[in-house]
Amino acid sequence: MVIHAMRGSPGCSRLGVALTRRFVPSAVERNRMKRVLREVFRRHPVKLAGLDCVVTFRRAPSPSEKADLRREAERLLDELQRAESR
């Protein structure tokens, strides 16, 4: 998973999720993963940083990666927040 970010409107961040059928064939599973990512983003302090973020997947996530999706997203958002504070 990769997060691309750029400056957006001050005070309000936006999130986009690019998750294709090629990587996750089940629509139910794709929607679940998107819900998890949106919830993590909604609760994270980076939400107030004024960034436009897009989450993309470089390859199909393994079952263990799907289980750790929330933790991985939080880690990437933490890194993004640290980079923005510099």
Protein backbone atom coordinates (compact mmCIF):
# COMPACT_ATOMS: atom_id res chain seq x y z
CA MET A 1 0.00 0.00 0.00
CA VAL A 2 1.23 3.48 -0.90
CA ILE A 3 -0.17 6.89 0.02
CA HIS A 4 0.39 9.75 -2.41
CA ALA A 5 -0.22 13.20 -0.94
CA MET A 6 -0.09 16.82 -2.00
CA ARG A 7 -1.16 20.14 -0.54
CA GLY A 8 -4.90 20.75 -0.70
CA SER A 9 -7.33 23.09 1.00
CA PRO A 10 -6.01 24.35 4.35
CA GLY A 11 -7.55 22.70 7.40
CA CYS A 12 -9.33 19.86 5.65
CA SER A 13 -7.79 16.76 4.10
CA ARG A 14 -9.41 14.50 1.52
CA LEU A 15 -8.91 10.80 0.84
CA GLY A 16 -9.19 8.76 -2.33
CA VAL A 17 -8.80 4.99 -2.53
CA ALA A 18 -7.75 3.22 -5.74
CA LEU A 19 -8.46 -0.46 -5.25
CA THR A 20 -9.14 -2.39 -8.43
CA ARG A 21 -10.89 -5.64 -9.18
CA ARG A 22 -7.61 -6.95 -10.54
CA PHE A 23 -6.12 -6.99 -7.03
CA VAL A 24 -9.23 -7.85 -5.00
CA PRO A 25 -11.85 -9.65 -7.13
CA SER A 26 -14.59 -9.68 -4.47
CA ALA A 27 -16.63 -6.46 -4.35
CA VAL A 28 -17.54 -7.21 -0.74
CA GLU A 29 -13.87 -7.42 0.23
CA ARG A 30 -12.95 -4.25 -1.75
CA ASN A 31 -15.71 -2.29 -0.04
CA ARG A 32 -14.67 -3.60 3.39
CA MET A 33 -11.07 -2.52 2.77
CA LYS A 34 -12.20 0.93 1.61
CA ARG A 35 -14.40 1.34 4.71
CA VAL A 36 -11.47 0.46 6.97
CA LEU A 37 -9.19 2.95 5.19
CA ARG A 38 -11.78 5.74 5.36
CA GLU A 39 -12.38 5.12 9.08
CA VAL A 40 -8.65 5.18 9.89
CA PHE A 41 -8.27 8.43 7.91
CA ARG A 42 -11.31 10.00 9.58
CA ARG A 43 -9.90 9.40 13.08
CA HIS A 44 -6.27 10.32 12.32
CA PRO A 45 -4.87 13.81 13.11
CA VAL A 46 -3.56 14.12 9.53
CA LYS A 47 -7.21 14.79 8.64
CA LEU A 48 -6.62 18.42 9.71
CA ALA A 49 -3.35 18.87 7.77
CA GLY A 50 -4.94 20.09 4.54
CA LEU A 51 -3.68 17.28 2.30
CA ASP A 52 -5.21 15.49 -0.64
CA CYS A 53 -4.27 11.82 -0.22
CA VAL A 54 -4.72 8.84 -2.54
CA VAL A 55 -4.16 5.28 -1.33
CA THR A 56 -3.04 2.85 -4.03
CA PHE A 57 -2.06 -0.79 -3.98
CA ARG A 58 1.00 -1.95 -5.93
CA ARG A 59 0.04 -5.62 -5.73
CA ALA A 60 -2.74 -7.82 -4.44
CA PRO A 61 -2.76 -7.85 -0.62
CA SER A 62 -2.25 -11.24 1.00
CA PRO A 63 -4.81 -12.46 3.58
CA SER A 64 -2.47 -11.48 6.43
CA GLU A 65 -2.03 -8.00 4.94
CA LYS A 66 -5.80 -7.60 4.73
CA ALA A 67 -6.01 -8.42 8.43
CA ASP A 68 -3.34 -5.82 9.24
CA LEU A 69 -4.79 -3.15 6.93
CA ARG A 70 -5.77 -0.82 9.77
CA ARG A 71 -2.32 -0.96 11.39
CA GLU A 72 -0.53 -0.41 8.06
CA ALA A 73 -2.74 2.57 7.18
CA GLU A 74 -2.13 4.15 10.60
CA ARG A 75 1.62 3.66 10.19
CA LEU A 76 1.63 5.33 6.76
CA LEU A 77 -0.50 8.23 7.97
CA ASP A 78 1.84 8.70 10.95
CA GLU A 79 4.80 8.89 8.54
CA LEU A 80 2.91 11.38 6.39
CA GLN A 81 2.12 13.54 9.40
CA ARG A 82 5.77 13.52 10.53
CA ALA A 83 6.89 14.53 7.04
CA GLU A 84 4.39 17.40 7.00
CA SER A 85 5.51 18.71 10.39
CA ARG A 86 9.10 19.17 9.20
